[in-house]
Amino acid sequence: MADDLHTRYMRAADIWDAYRAGCTTCQHDTRCAAGVRLFERFTRLQDAYLNRS
């Protein structure tokens, strides 16, 4: 399961990075509605991966 979690975490990071690169609203601490959703998914998966036991 850790490998699957890592894969999903890295994929979410890639999606967030690609989206942010093309969105003029998503800069620093400001995010558009879609950017908020993508960033929250990334951070949830990151937290889950970093806090796994």
Protein backbone atom coordinates (compact mmCIF):
# COMPACT_ATOMS: atom_id res chain seq x y z
CA MET A 1 0.00 0.00 0.00
CA ALA A 2 2.87 2.43 0.71
CA ASP A 3 4.00 2.17 -2.90
CA ASP A 4 0.47 2.95 -4.12
CA LEU A 5 0.25 5.88 -1.70
CA HIS A 6 3.62 7.19 -2.89
CA THR A 7 2.51 6.89 -6.52
CA ARG A 8 -0.72 8.78 -5.83
CA TYR A 9 1.16 11.43 -3.82
CA MET A 10 3.72 11.99 -6.60
CA ARG A 11 0.98 12.07 -9.25
CA ALA A 12 -0.98 14.67 -7.25
CA ALA A 13 2.21 16.74 -6.94
CA ASP A 14 2.77 16.57 -10.70
CA ILE A 15 -0.85 17.55 -11.43
CA TRP A 16 -0.71 20.45 -8.98
CA ASP A 17 2.63 21.70 -10.39
CA ALA A 18 1.37 21.52 -13.98
CA TYR A 19 -1.88 23.27 -13.12
CA ARG A 20 -0.15 26.01 -11.12
CA ALA A 21 2.29 26.65 -13.97
CA GLY A 22 -0.58 27.50 -16.30
CA CYS A 23 -2.93 29.30 -13.91
CA THR A 24 -2.36 33.00 -13.42
CA THR A 25 -4.46 32.99 -10.23
CA CYS A 26 -2.59 30.17 -8.49
CA GLN A 27 0.51 31.91 -7.25
CA HIS A 28 2.08 31.72 -3.78
CA ASP A 29 -0.83 31.61 -1.28
CA THR A 30 -3.61 32.57 -3.72
CA ARG A 31 -5.52 29.83 -5.53
CA CYS A 32 -8.53 29.61 -7.82
CA ALA A 33 -11.38 27.19 -6.99
CA ALA A 34 -9.89 24.36 -9.07
CA GLY A 35 -6.44 25.09 -7.67
CA VAL A 36 -7.74 24.84 -4.10
CA ARG A 37 -9.15 21.38 -4.83
CA LEU A 38 -5.91 20.16 -6.46
CA PHE A 39 -3.70 21.62 -3.75
CA GLU A 40 -5.82 20.09 -0.98
CA ARG A 41 -5.64 16.67 -2.64
CA PHE A 42 -1.86 16.99 -2.92
CA THR A 43 -1.45 18.05 0.71
CA ARG A 44 -3.78 15.29 2.02
CA LEU A 45 -1.78 12.65 0.15
CA GLN A 46 1.52 14.20 1.22
CA ASP A 47 0.46 14.18 4.87
CA ALA A 48 -0.76 10.59 4.61
CA TYR A 49 2.51 9.49 3.01
CA LEU A 50 4.75 11.35 5.45
CA ASN A 51 2.77 10.15 8.49
CA ARG A 52 2.38 6.51 7.47
CA SER A 53 3.47 3.88 9.97
